[in-house]
Amino acid sequence: MKILITMLFSLLISACSQQEVYSSKAISKNSHSDSILSAAALSSDGQLNVVVNANSVCLWQNQLPASKPSCLSAAHAQHIEIAHISKDKQFLFLSNRVSVKKYAINNLQIIGEWQVAENIINDIATSQSGQMLLLGFRSGKASIIDTITNKVTTYQKHRLDINAVSLSDNGQLALTGSSDKKAMLWDTTTGENQFEFKHATRVNHVDVSADGLVGFSIDAVKDRKFWDLQTGSLIAELDTYLKFIEVNDSAFSADKSLLLTGSPRQVLQLWRVTDGALLAQWESSMQLGRASVLSVAINDKKSAQAIMASNSDGVVEEWHFPNK
């Protein structure tokens, strides 16, 4: 029944698109866990995959599928619900929602830890180097942490829960989405708001391009929009009639022309930023009965173009990048 529902969902997506939608079978598939994951994260190029289950935290080299992973013990995996790899692939961040730990990728040694006391963490993001760490809390507060100097600055950015956060590569611009129906772009140095983007319902996911020039936000019902973050103006909305689109993770292409999204329903979708057109979609493989897409990555280097996804069943897959 779950497979039938997924197939019907994929067909409906195609029907709602305004043009032909590219799709293909995975060119590689590997299992990185024998149990359901509590968290997973791909590096921005898809070459690394960290998977967290009740027994361990393991870091896999996707370009070397036959190699053994580097793993932390079960003590490090306890209650972990959020995982993140810095874009420079130097650091791993793990959170149990009341603290965040920073590990060196090369040896998985812990090099920093931050407790957040009365706050509950809903989402985290980092700058490219991993120096700046952004935390979004259920209280509507957000903290920006310099992980080198340990300076912590906290701002009351929203009236209700912050559900999602994203950070520009230089760590200077933050985009936060909240249950107060707003996505907020703000300066992490001063806390000053740059733009406020209103939505019909709670904002569940946000993303900002590496250079901080383009943003994306999606709410629980109908608003799913690309923003010009220099002017605050609307670029486009996702071109689909589907309601209740859910996004667990997303990734902009290097040139900001495309956005890849991964959903709880096994589906990956590639959208064009300028007009919101759905260009391609893929289905993540079910192995243990869930297959929620937890992390996505675009490797759009000419020598190794690929779409990558890691799901809650512990499966990591790769697809050909569609021809433009």
C-alpha atoms as a PDB file:
ATOM      1  CA  MET A   1       0.000   0.000   0.000  1.00  0.00           C
ATOM      2  CA  LYS A   2       2.834   2.413   0.866  1.00  0.00           C
ATOM      3  CA  ILE A   3       4.473   1.724  -2.507  1.00  0.00           C
ATOM      4  CA  LEU A   4       1.166   2.332  -4.328  1.00  0.00           C
ATOM      5  CA  ILE A   5       0.638   5.627  -2.482  1.00  0.00           C
ATOM      6  CA  THR A   6       4.166   6.764  -3.374  1.00  0.00           C
ATOM      7  CA  MET A   7       3.647   5.881  -7.053  1.00  0.00           C
ATOM      8  CA  LEU A   8       0.351   7.784  -7.145  1.00  0.00           C
ATOM      9  CA  PHE A   9       1.999  10.757  -5.438  1.00  0.00           C
ATOM     10  CA  SER A  10       4.770  10.809  -8.063  1.00  0.00           C
ATOM     11  CA  LEU A  11       2.233  10.615 -10.898  1.00  0.00           C
ATOM     12  CA  LEU A  12       0.241  13.466  -9.388  1.00  0.00           C
ATOM     13  CA  ILE A  13       3.379  15.619  -9.195  1.00  0.00           C
ATOM     14  CA  SER A  14       4.029  15.029 -12.883  1.00  0.00           C
ATOM     15  CA  ALA A  15       0.440  15.849 -13.768  1.00  0.00           C
ATOM     16  CA  CYS A  16       0.587  19.118 -11.883  1.00  0.00           C
ATOM     17  CA  SER A  17       3.777  20.284 -13.578  1.00  0.00           C
ATOM     18  CA  GLN A  18       3.508  22.665 -16.506  1.00  0.00           C
ATOM     19  CA  GLN A  19       6.150  20.832 -18.569  1.00  0.00           C
ATOM     20  CA  GLU A  20       7.758  17.451 -19.059  1.00  0.00           C
ATOM     21  CA  VAL A  21       9.525  16.309 -15.910  1.00  0.00           C
ATOM     22  CA  TYR A  22      12.810  14.405 -16.149  1.00  0.00           C
ATOM     23  CA  SER A  23      13.265  11.250 -14.099  1.00  0.00           C
ATOM     24  CA  SER A  24      15.733   8.359 -13.989  1.00  0.00           C
ATOM     25  CA  LYS A  25      16.772   5.329 -11.987  1.00  0.00           C
ATOM     26  CA  ALA A  26      19.531   5.558  -9.403  1.00  0.00           C
ATOM     27  CA  ILE A  27      23.010   4.838 -10.748  1.00  0.00           C
ATOM     28  CA  SER A  28      24.209   3.731  -7.319  1.00  0.00           C
ATOM     29  CA  LYS A  29      22.591   2.637  -4.066  1.00  0.00           C
ATOM     30  CA  ASN A  30      24.245   1.671  -0.801  1.00  0.00           C
ATOM     31  CA  SER A  31      22.921   0.756   2.631  1.00  0.00           C
ATOM     32  CA  HIS A  32      24.582   2.526   5.544  1.00  0.00           C
ATOM     33  CA  SER A  33      22.445   1.157   8.381  1.00  0.00           C
ATOM     34  CA  ASP A  34      20.439  -1.931   9.337  1.00  0.00           C
ATOM     35  CA  SER A  35      17.976   0.102  11.424  1.00  0.00           C
ATOM     36  CA  ILE A  36      15.877   3.252  11.059  1.00  0.00           C
ATOM     37  CA  LEU A  37      17.923   6.432  11.410  1.00  0.00           C
ATOM     38  CA  SER A  38      17.282   9.233  13.850  1.00  0.00           C
ATOM     39  CA  ALA A  39      19.380  11.655  11.758  1.00  0.00           C
ATOM     40  CA  ALA A  40      21.497  11.808   8.614  1.00  0.00           C
ATOM     41  CA  ALA A  41      23.464  14.443   6.727  1.00  0.00           C
ATOM     42  CA  LEU A  42      25.279  14.570   3.411  1.00  0.00           C
ATOM     43  CA  SER A  43      28.151  16.926   2.743  1.00  0.00           C
ATOM     44  CA  SER A  44      27.260  19.667   0.256  1.00  0.00           C
ATOM     45  CA  ASP A  45      28.906  17.711  -2.598  1.00  0.00           C
ATOM     46  CA  GLY A  46      27.404  14.393  -1.504  1.00  0.00           C
ATOM     47  CA  GLN A  47      30.771  12.753  -0.945  1.00  0.00           C
ATOM     48  CA  LEU A  48      30.308  12.237   2.805  1.00  0.00           C
ATOM     49  CA  ASN A  49      27.298  10.775   4.600  1.00  0.00           C
ATOM     50  CA  VAL A  50      26.849  10.705   8.364  1.00  0.00           C
ATOM     51  CA  VAL A  51      24.154   8.369   9.704  1.00  0.00           C
ATOM     52  CA  VAL A  52      22.866   8.216  13.276  1.00  0.00           C
ATOM     53  CA  ASN A  53      20.903   5.350  14.809  1.00  0.00           C
ATOM     54  CA  ALA A  54      20.465   4.156  18.381  1.00  0.00           C
ATOM     55  CA  ASN A  55      23.775   2.274  18.321  1.00  0.00           C
ATOM     56  CA  SER A  56      26.285   4.569  16.653  1.00  0.00           C
ATOM     57  CA  VAL A  57      27.217   7.601  14.589  1.00  0.00           C
ATOM     58  CA  CYS A  58      29.021   6.556  11.398  1.00  0.00           C
ATOM     59  CA  LEU A  59      30.690   8.636   8.706  1.00  0.00           C
ATOM     60  CA  TRP A  60      30.814   7.076   5.243  1.00  0.00           C
ATOM     61  CA  GLN A  61      32.918   7.988   2.200  1.00  0.00           C
ATOM     62  CA  ASN A  62      30.427   7.771  -0.667  1.00  0.00           C
ATOM     63  CA  GLN A  63      33.117   7.877  -3.336  1.00  0.00           C
ATOM     64  CA  LEU A  64      34.590   4.722  -1.738  1.00  0.00           C
ATOM     65  CA  PRO A  65      31.519   2.500  -1.231  1.00  0.00           C
ATOM     66  CA  ALA A  66      33.590  -0.566  -0.311  1.00  0.00           C
ATOM     67  CA  SER A  67      35.439   1.234   2.488  1.00  0.00           C
ATOM     68  CA  LYS A  68      34.519   0.882   6.148  1.00  0.00           C
ATOM     69  CA  PRO A  69      32.995   3.891   7.923  1.00  0.00           C
ATOM     70  CA  SER A  70      34.492   5.809  10.811  1.00  0.00           C
ATOM     71  CA  CYS A  71      32.178   5.455  13.801  1.00  0.00           C
ATOM     72  CA  LEU A  72      31.497   6.946  17.203  1.00  0.00           C
ATOM     73  CA  SER A  73      30.156   4.814  20.031  1.00  0.00           C
ATOM     74  CA  ALA A  74      26.543   4.523  21.115  1.00  0.00           C
ATOM     75  CA  ALA A  75      27.175   7.068  23.880  1.00  0.00           C
ATOM     76  CA  HIS A  76      27.624   9.780  21.225  1.00  0.00           C
ATOM     77  CA  ALA A  77      24.473   8.665  19.396  1.00  0.00           C
ATOM     78  CA  GLN A  78      22.166   8.870  22.397  1.00  0.00           C
ATOM     79  CA  HIS A  79      19.117  11.056  21.663  1.00  0.00           C
ATOM     80  CA  ILE A  80      20.776  12.678  18.603  1.00  0.00           C
ATOM     81  CA  GLU A  81      18.128  14.103  16.261  1.00  0.00           C
ATOM     82  CA  ILE A  82      20.096  16.653  14.200  1.00  0.00           C
ATOM     83  CA  ALA A  83      23.283  16.093  12.185  1.00  0.00           C
ATOM     84  CA  HIS A  84      25.155  18.564   9.988  1.00  0.00           C
ATOM     85  CA  ILE A  85      28.427  18.605   8.001  1.00  0.00           C
ATOM     86  CA  SER A  86      30.137  21.934   7.315  1.00  0.00           C
ATOM     87  CA  LYS A  87      30.498  22.751   3.616  1.00  0.00           C
ATOM     88  CA  ASP A  88      34.293  22.586   3.764  1.00  0.00           C
ATOM     89  CA  LYS A  89      33.908  18.986   5.057  1.00  0.00           C
ATOM     90  CA  GLN A  90      36.107  19.690   8.058  1.00  0.00           C
ATOM     91  CA  PHE A  91      33.543  19.459  10.852  1.00  0.00           C
ATOM     92  CA  LEU A  92      30.563  17.400  11.985  1.00  0.00           C
ATOM     93  CA  PHE A  93      27.864  18.817  14.267  1.00  0.00           C
ATOM     94  CA  LEU A  94      25.483  16.653  16.310  1.00  0.00           C
ATOM     95  CA  SER A  95      22.595  17.838  18.477  1.00  0.00           C
ATOM     96  CA  ASN A  96      20.204  16.187  20.940  1.00  0.00           C
ATOM     97  CA  ARG A  97      18.161  19.446  20.910  1.00  0.00           C
ATOM     98  CA  VAL A  98      19.531  20.681  24.245  1.00  0.00           C
ATOM     99  CA  SER A  99      23.210  20.775  23.264  1.00  0.00           C
ATOM    100  CA  VAL A 100      25.425  20.792  20.174  1.00  0.00           C
ATOM    101  CA  LYS A 101      28.782  19.044  19.792  1.00  0.00           C
ATOM    102  CA  LYS A 102      31.394  19.798  17.149  1.00  0.00           C
ATOM    103  CA  TYR A 103      33.706  17.033  15.876  1.00  0.00           C
ATOM    104  CA  ALA A 104      36.694  17.053  13.545  1.00  0.00           C
ATOM    105  CA  ILE A 105      35.888  15.029  10.426  1.00  0.00           C
ATOM    106  CA  ASN A 106      39.400  13.602  10.053  1.00  0.00           C
ATOM    107  CA  ASN A 107      39.438  11.773  13.405  1.00  0.00           C
ATOM    108  CA  LEU A 108      35.940  12.308  14.886  1.00  0.00           C
ATOM    109  CA  GLN A 109      37.437  13.892  17.980  1.00  0.00           C
ATOM    110  CA  ILE A 110      35.128  16.274  19.819  1.00  0.00           C
ATOM    111  CA  ILE A 111      36.442  19.846  19.734  1.00  0.00           C
ATOM    112  CA  GLY A 112      33.547  21.859  21.142  1.00  0.00           C
ATOM    113  CA  GLU A 113      30.226  21.622  22.972  1.00  0.00           C
ATOM    114  CA  TRP A 114      27.500  24.184  23.706  1.00  0.00           C
ATOM    115  CA  GLN A 115      24.611  23.752  26.134  1.00  0.00           C
ATOM    116  CA  VAL A 116      21.452  25.811  25.597  1.00  0.00           C
ATOM    117  CA  ALA A 117      19.864  25.409  29.038  1.00  0.00           C
ATOM    118  CA  GLU A 118      16.157  26.304  28.928  1.00  0.00           C
ATOM    119  CA  ASN A 119      15.940  26.419  25.121  1.00  0.00           C
ATOM    120  CA  ILE A 120      15.019  23.517  22.823  1.00  0.00           C
ATOM    121  CA  ILE A 121      16.813  23.422  19.457  1.00  0.00           C
ATOM    122  CA  ASN A 122      14.613  22.897  16.394  1.00  0.00           C
ATOM    123  CA  ASP A 123      17.265  23.376  13.698  1.00  0.00           C
ATOM    124  CA  ILE A 124      20.922  24.261  13.142  1.00  0.00           C
ATOM    125  CA  ALA A 125      23.059  25.650  10.320  1.00  0.00           C
ATOM    126  CA  THR A 126      26.710  26.625   9.927  1.00  0.00           C
ATOM    127  CA  SER A 127      28.887  28.858   7.801  1.00  0.00           C
ATOM    128  CA  GLN A 128      31.046  27.202   5.132  1.00  0.00           C
ATOM    129  CA  SER A 129      34.036  26.827   7.462  1.00  0.00           C
ATOM    130  CA  GLY A 130      31.940  25.692  10.407  1.00  0.00           C
ATOM    131  CA  GLN A 131      33.117  28.601  12.532  1.00  0.00           C
ATOM    132  CA  MET A 132      29.697  30.254  12.835  1.00  0.00           C
ATOM    133  CA  LEU A 133      26.880  28.091  14.219  1.00  0.00           C
ATOM    134  CA  LEU A 134      23.236  29.166  14.042  1.00  0.00           C
ATOM    135  CA  LEU A 135      20.625  27.655  16.376  1.00  0.00           C
ATOM    136  CA  GLY A 136      16.869  28.125  16.058  1.00  0.00           C
ATOM    137  CA  PHE A 137      14.812  27.545  19.222  1.00  0.00           C
ATOM    138  CA  ARG A 138      11.215  26.673  20.071  1.00  0.00           C
ATOM    139  CA  SER A 139      11.105  29.888  22.089  1.00  0.00           C
ATOM    140  CA  GLY A 140      11.406  32.005  18.928  1.00  0.00           C
ATOM    141  CA  LYS A 141      14.977  32.931  19.873  1.00  0.00           C
ATOM    142  CA  ALA A 142      18.035  32.337  17.712  1.00  0.00           C
ATOM    143  CA  SER A 143      21.657  32.103  18.791  1.00  0.00           C
ATOM    144  CA  ILE A 144      24.725  32.718  16.648  1.00  0.00           C
ATOM    145  CA  ILE A 145      27.841  31.055  18.098  1.00  0.00           C
ATOM    146  CA  ASP A 146      31.438  31.666  17.087  1.00  0.00           C
ATOM    147  CA  THR A 147      32.785  28.163  17.652  1.00  0.00           C
ATOM    148  CA  ILE A 148      36.390  29.419  17.725  1.00  0.00           C
ATOM    149  CA  THR A 149      36.028  32.229  20.281  1.00  0.00           C
ATOM    150  CA  ASN A 150      32.949  30.716  22.001  1.00  0.00           C
ATOM    151  CA  LYS A 151      31.103  34.024  21.738  1.00  0.00           C
ATOM    152  CA  VAL A 152      27.349  33.423  21.913  1.00  0.00           C
ATOM    153  CA  THR A 153      24.813  36.078  20.886  1.00  0.00           C
ATOM    154  CA  THR A 154      21.092  35.423  21.243  1.00  0.00           C
ATOM    155  CA  TYR A 155      18.250  37.363  19.629  1.00  0.00           C
ATOM    156  CA  GLN A 156      14.469  37.190  20.012  1.00  0.00           C
ATOM    157  CA  LYS A 157      13.685  36.924  16.294  1.00  0.00           C
ATOM    158  CA  HIS A 158      10.146  35.460  16.284  1.00  0.00           C
ATOM    159  CA  ARG A 159       7.051  35.358  18.511  1.00  0.00           C
ATOM    160  CA  LEU A 160       6.654  31.582  18.146  1.00  0.00           C
ATOM    161  CA  ASP A 161       8.805  28.510  17.416  1.00  0.00           C
ATOM    162  CA  ILE A 162      11.641  28.808  14.927  1.00  0.00           C
ATOM    163  CA  ASN A 163      11.184  25.698  12.791  1.00  0.00           C
ATOM    164  CA  ALA A 164      14.031  26.122  10.301  1.00  0.00           C
ATOM    165  CA  VAL A 165      17.260  28.082   9.888  1.00  0.00           C
ATOM    166  CA  SER A 166      19.780  28.671   7.112  1.00  0.00           C
ATOM    167  CA  LEU A 167      23.045  30.597   6.951  1.00  0.00           C
ATOM    168  CA  SER A 168      25.071  32.157   4.130  1.00  0.00           C
ATOM    169  CA  ASP A 169      28.540  30.701   3.588  1.00  0.00           C
ATOM    170  CA  ASN A 170      30.244  33.694   5.230  1.00  0.00           C
ATOM    171  CA  GLY A 171      27.968  33.405   8.256  1.00  0.00           C
ATOM    172  CA  GLN A 172      26.737  37.006   8.003  1.00  0.00           C
ATOM    173  CA  LEU A 173      23.141  36.451   6.819  1.00  0.00           C
ATOM    174  CA  ALA A 174      20.588  34.227   8.526  1.00  0.00           C
ATOM    175  CA  LEU A 175      17.174  33.178   7.235  1.00  0.00           C
ATOM    176  CA  THR A 176      14.798  31.834   9.889  1.00  0.00           C
ATOM    177  CA  GLY A 177      11.284  30.417   9.481  1.00  0.00           C
ATOM    178  CA  SER A 178       8.728  30.369  12.286  1.00  0.00           C
ATOM    179  CA  SER A 179       5.278  29.273  13.387  1.00  0.00           C
ATOM    180  CA  ASP A 180       4.439  33.004  13.558  1.00  0.00           C
ATOM    181  CA  LYS A 181       3.952  32.756   9.733  1.00  0.00           C
ATOM    182  CA  LYS A 182       7.114  34.700   8.942  1.00  0.00           C
ATOM    183  CA  ALA A 183      10.507  34.054   7.412  1.00  0.00           C
ATOM    184  CA  MET A 184      13.071  36.598   8.563  1.00  0.00           C
ATOM    185  CA  LEU A 185      16.340  37.608   6.912  1.00  0.00           C
ATOM    186  CA  TRP A 186      18.725  39.174   9.403  1.00  0.00           C
ATOM    187  CA  ASP A 187      22.322  40.215   9.990  1.00  0.00           C
ATOM    188  CA  THR A 188      24.062  37.852  12.412  1.00  0.00           C
ATOM    189  CA  THR A 189      26.570  40.514  13.509  1.00  0.00           C
ATOM    190  CA  THR A 190      24.045  43.125  14.604  1.00  0.00           C
ATOM    191  CA  GLY A 191      20.805  41.148  14.794  1.00  0.00           C
ATOM    192  CA  GLU A 192      19.209  43.751  12.516  1.00  0.00           C
ATOM    193  CA  ASN A 193      16.329  42.504  10.357  1.00  0.00           C
ATOM    194  CA  GLN A 194      16.842  42.955   6.619  1.00  0.00           C
ATOM    195  CA  PHE A 195      13.522  41.655   5.276  1.00  0.00           C
ATOM    196  CA  GLU A 196      10.373  40.022   6.635  1.00  0.00           C
ATOM    197  CA  PHE A 197       8.535  37.555   4.402  1.00  0.00           C
ATOM    198  CA  LYS A 198       4.927  36.875   5.435  1.00  0.00           C
ATOM    199  CA  HIS A 199       3.235  33.519   4.824  1.00  0.00           C
ATOM    200  CA  ALA A 200      -0.285  32.144   5.115  1.00  0.00           C
ATOM    201  CA  THR A 201       0.637  29.558   7.753  1.00  0.00           C
ATOM    202  CA  ARG A 202       3.664  28.421   9.784  1.00  0.00           C
ATOM    203  CA  VAL A 203       6.978  28.384   7.916  1.00  0.00           C
ATOM    204  CA  ASN A 204       8.416  24.879   8.013  1.00  0.00           C
ATOM    205  CA  HIS A 205      11.571  25.156   5.892  1.00  0.00           C
ATOM    206  CA  VAL A 206      13.967  27.835   4.656  1.00  0.00           C
ATOM    207  CA  ASP A 207      17.163  27.893   2.605  1.00  0.00           C
ATOM    208  CA  VAL A 208      19.594  30.582   1.522  1.00  0.00           C
ATOM    209  CA  SER A 209      22.102  30.371  -1.330  1.00  0.00           C
ATOM    210  CA  ALA A 210      25.799  30.213  -0.522  1.00  0.00           C
ATOM    211  CA  ASP A 211      26.327  33.908  -1.381  1.00  0.00           C
ATOM    212  CA  GLY A 212      23.215  35.041   0.494  1.00  0.00           C
ATOM    213  CA  LEU A 213      21.527  36.469  -2.612  1.00  0.00           C
ATOM    214  CA  VAL A 214      18.616  34.046  -3.088  1.00  0.00           C
ATOM    215  CA  GLY A 215      16.306  32.567  -0.477  1.00  0.00           C
ATOM    216  CA  PHE A 216      13.547  29.977  -0.353  1.00  0.00           C
ATOM    217  CA  SER A 217      10.757  29.531   2.181  1.00  0.00           C
ATOM    218  CA  ILE A 218       7.787  27.181   2.374  1.00  0.00           C
ATOM    219  CA  ASP A 219       4.868  27.119   4.758  1.00  0.00           C
ATOM    220  CA  ALA A 220       2.525  24.324   5.820  1.00  0.00           C
ATOM    221  CA  VAL A 221      -0.145  24.875   3.182  1.00  0.00           C
ATOM    222  CA  LYS A 222       0.349  27.014   0.074  1.00  0.00           C
ATOM    223  CA  ASP A 223       3.229  29.514   0.136  1.00  0.00           C
ATOM    224  CA  ARG A 224       6.471  28.159  -1.380  1.00  0.00           C
ATOM    225  CA  LYS A 225       8.530  31.050  -2.688  1.00  0.00           C
ATOM    226  CA  PHE A 226      11.931  32.124  -4.005  1.00  0.00           C
ATOM    227  CA  TRP A 227      13.144  35.527  -2.795  1.00  0.00           C
ATOM    228  CA  ASP A 228      15.659  38.088  -4.027  1.00  0.00           C
ATOM    229  CA  LEU A 229      17.509  38.731  -0.779  1.00  0.00           C
ATOM    230  CA  GLN A 230      19.065  41.976  -2.019  1.00  0.00           C
ATOM    231  CA  THR A 231      15.730  43.668  -2.637  1.00  0.00           C
ATOM    232  CA  GLY A 232      13.284  41.526  -0.679  1.00  0.00           C
ATOM    233  CA  SER A 233      11.190  40.993  -3.811  1.00  0.00           C
ATOM    234  CA  LEU A 234       9.536  37.765  -4.938  1.00  0.00           C
ATOM    235  CA  ILE A 235      11.342  35.884  -7.724  1.00  0.00           C
ATOM    236  CA  ALA A 236       8.876  33.033  -8.276  1.00  0.00           C
ATOM    237  CA  GLU A 237       6.641  30.458  -6.590  1.00  0.00           C
ATOM    238  CA  LEU A 238       6.864  26.708  -7.089  1.00  0.00           C
ATOM    239  CA  ASP A 239       4.826  25.953 -10.209  1.00  0.00           C
ATOM    240  CA  THR A 240       2.558  23.202  -8.911  1.00  0.00           C
ATOM    241  CA  TYR A 241      -1.020  22.831  -7.786  1.00  0.00           C
ATOM    242  CA  LEU A 242      -0.136  20.306  -5.098  1.00  0.00           C
ATOM    243  CA  LYS A 243      -1.045  21.207  -1.537  1.00  0.00           C
ATOM    244  CA  PHE A 244       0.833  20.293   1.621  1.00  0.00           C
ATOM    245  CA  ILE A 245       4.288  20.001   0.069  1.00  0.00           C
ATOM    246  CA  GLU A 246       6.732  18.992   2.806  1.00  0.00           C
ATOM    247  CA  VAL A 247      10.476  19.580   2.656  1.00  0.00           C
ATOM    248  CA  ASN A 248      12.978  17.947   4.998  1.00  0.00           C
ATOM    249  CA  ASP A 249      16.077  19.297   3.279  1.00  0.00           C
ATOM    250  CA  SER A 250      17.086  21.340   0.239  1.00  0.00           C
ATOM    251  CA  ALA A 251      20.169  22.469  -1.664  1.00  0.00           C
ATOM    252  CA  PHE A 252      20.811  25.266  -4.166  1.00  0.00           C
ATOM    253  CA  SER A 253      22.990  24.605  -7.190  1.00  0.00           C
ATOM    254  CA  ALA A 254      26.272  26.521  -7.259  1.00  0.00           C
ATOM    255  CA  ASP A 255      24.897  29.089  -9.724  1.00  0.00           C
ATOM    256  CA  LYS A 256      21.627  29.535  -7.740  1.00  0.00           C
ATOM    257  CA  SER A 257      19.529  28.571 -10.784  1.00  0.00           C
ATOM    258  CA  LEU A 258      18.182  25.335  -9.258  1.00  0.00           C
ATOM    259  CA  LEU A 259      16.864  24.096  -5.923  1.00  0.00           C
ATOM    260  CA  LEU A 260      16.762  20.417  -4.974  1.00  0.00           C
ATOM    261  CA  THR A 261      14.245  19.374  -2.295  1.00  0.00           C
ATOM    262  CA  GLY A 262      13.758  16.115  -0.402  1.00  0.00           C
ATOM    263  CA  SER A 263      10.461  15.133   1.212  1.00  0.00           C
ATOM    264  CA  PRO A 264       9.203  12.707   3.879  1.00  0.00           C
ATOM    265  CA  ARG A 265       7.459  10.784   1.070  1.00  0.00           C
ATOM    266  CA  GLN A 266      10.605   9.434  -0.643  1.00  0.00           C
ATOM    267  CA  VAL A 267      10.473  12.102  -3.357  1.00  0.00           C
ATOM    268  CA  LEU A 268      13.276  14.391  -4.553  1.00  0.00           C
ATOM    269  CA  GLN A 269      12.383  17.326  -6.803  1.00  0.00           C
ATOM    270  CA  LEU A 270      14.513  19.749  -8.802  1.00  0.00           C
ATOM    271  CA  TRP A 271      13.034  23.229  -9.287  1.00  0.00           C
ATOM    272  CA  ARG A 272      14.110  26.165 -11.482  1.00  0.00           C
ATOM    273  CA  VAL A 273      14.461  29.333  -9.431  1.00  0.00           C
ATOM    274  CA  THR A 274      13.527  31.903 -12.088  1.00  0.00           C
ATOM    275  CA  ASP A 275      10.002  30.568 -12.669  1.00  0.00           C
ATOM    276  CA  GLY A 276       9.493  27.784 -10.103  1.00  0.00           C
ATOM    277  CA  ALA A 277       9.183  25.094 -12.793  1.00  0.00           C
ATOM    278  CA  LEU A 278       9.581  21.460 -11.735  1.00  0.00           C
ATOM    279  CA  LEU A 279      12.377  20.109 -13.946  1.00  0.00           C
ATOM    280  CA  ALA A 280      13.091  16.663 -12.510  1.00  0.00           C
ATOM    281  CA  GLN A 281      12.088  14.224  -9.789  1.00  0.00           C
ATOM    282  CA  TRP A 282      13.367  10.962  -8.347  1.00  0.00           C
ATOM    283  CA  GLU A 283      12.171   8.399  -5.811  1.00  0.00           C
ATOM    284  CA  SER A 284      14.320   7.298  -2.895  1.00  0.00           C
ATOM    285  CA  SER A 285      14.403   3.536  -2.218  1.00  0.00           C
ATOM    286  CA  MET A 286      12.501   1.972   0.659  1.00  0.00           C
ATOM    287  CA  GLN A 287      14.417  -0.635   2.637  1.00  0.00           C
ATOM    288  CA  LEU A 288      12.971  -0.673   6.156  1.00  0.00           C
ATOM    289  CA  GLY A 289       9.539   0.829   5.611  1.00  0.00           C
ATOM    290  CA  ARG A 290       9.967   4.624   5.864  1.00  0.00           C
ATOM    291  CA  ALA A 291      12.465   6.052   3.389  1.00  0.00           C
ATOM    292  CA  SER A 292      11.905   9.678   4.370  1.00  0.00           C
ATOM    293  CA  VAL A 293      14.512  11.782   2.563  1.00  0.00           C
ATOM    294  CA  LEU A 294      16.606  13.330   5.341  1.00  0.00           C
ATOM    295  CA  SER A 295      19.397  14.978   3.357  1.00  0.00           C
ATOM    296  CA  VAL A 296      20.032  15.994  -0.265  1.00  0.00           C
ATOM    297  CA  ALA A 297      23.051  17.261  -2.184  1.00  0.00           C
ATOM    298  CA  ILE A 298      23.873  18.591  -5.638  1.00  0.00           C
ATOM    299  CA  ASN A 299      27.311  17.963  -7.070  1.00  0.00           C
ATOM    300  CA  ASP A 300      27.224  20.176 -10.153  1.00  0.00           C
ATOM    301  CA  LYS A 301      30.914  20.164 -10.977  1.00  0.00           C
ATOM    302  CA  LYS A 302      31.321  19.354 -14.679  1.00  0.00           C
ATOM    303  CA  SER A 303      33.559  16.389 -13.893  1.00  0.00           C
ATOM    304  CA  ALA A 304      31.121  14.768 -11.459  1.00  0.00           C
ATOM    305  CA  GLN A 305      27.556  16.020 -11.863  1.00  0.00           C
ATOM    306  CA  ALA A 306      25.160  14.104  -9.631  1.00  0.00           C
ATOM    307  CA  ILE A 307      22.087  14.257  -7.419  1.00  0.00           C
ATOM    308  CA  MET A 308      22.452  12.582  -4.013  1.00  0.00           C
ATOM    309  CA  ALA A 309      20.057  11.647  -1.212  1.00  0.00           C
ATOM    310  CA  SER A 310      20.277   9.941   2.169  1.00  0.00           C
ATOM    311  CA  ASN A 311      17.067   8.572   3.687  1.00  0.00           C
ATOM    312  CA  SER A 312      15.779   7.360   7.047  1.00  0.00           C
ATOM    313  CA  ASP A 313      16.147   3.714   6.008  1.00  0.00           C
ATOM    314  CA  GLY A 314      19.914   4.232   5.872  1.00  0.00           C
ATOM    315  CA  VAL A 315      20.026   4.198   2.061  1.00  0.00           C
ATOM    316  CA  VAL A 316      22.226   6.645   0.157  1.00  0.00           C
ATOM    317  CA  GLU A 317      21.641   6.974  -3.585  1.00  0.00           C
ATOM    318  CA  GLU A 318      23.001   8.825  -6.588  1.00  0.00           C
ATOM    319  CA  TRP A 319      21.279   9.855  -9.815  1.00  0.00           C
ATOM    320  CA  HIS A 320      22.536  11.431 -13.028  1.00  0.00           C
ATOM    321  CA  PHE A 321      22.241  15.203 -13.120  1.00  0.00           C
ATOM    322  CA  PRO A 322      19.599  16.013 -15.791  1.00  0.00           C
ATOM    323  CA  ASN A 323      20.679  17.537 -19.074  1.00  0.00           C
ATOM    324  CA  LYS A 324      19.892  21.245 -19.214  1.00  0.00           C
END
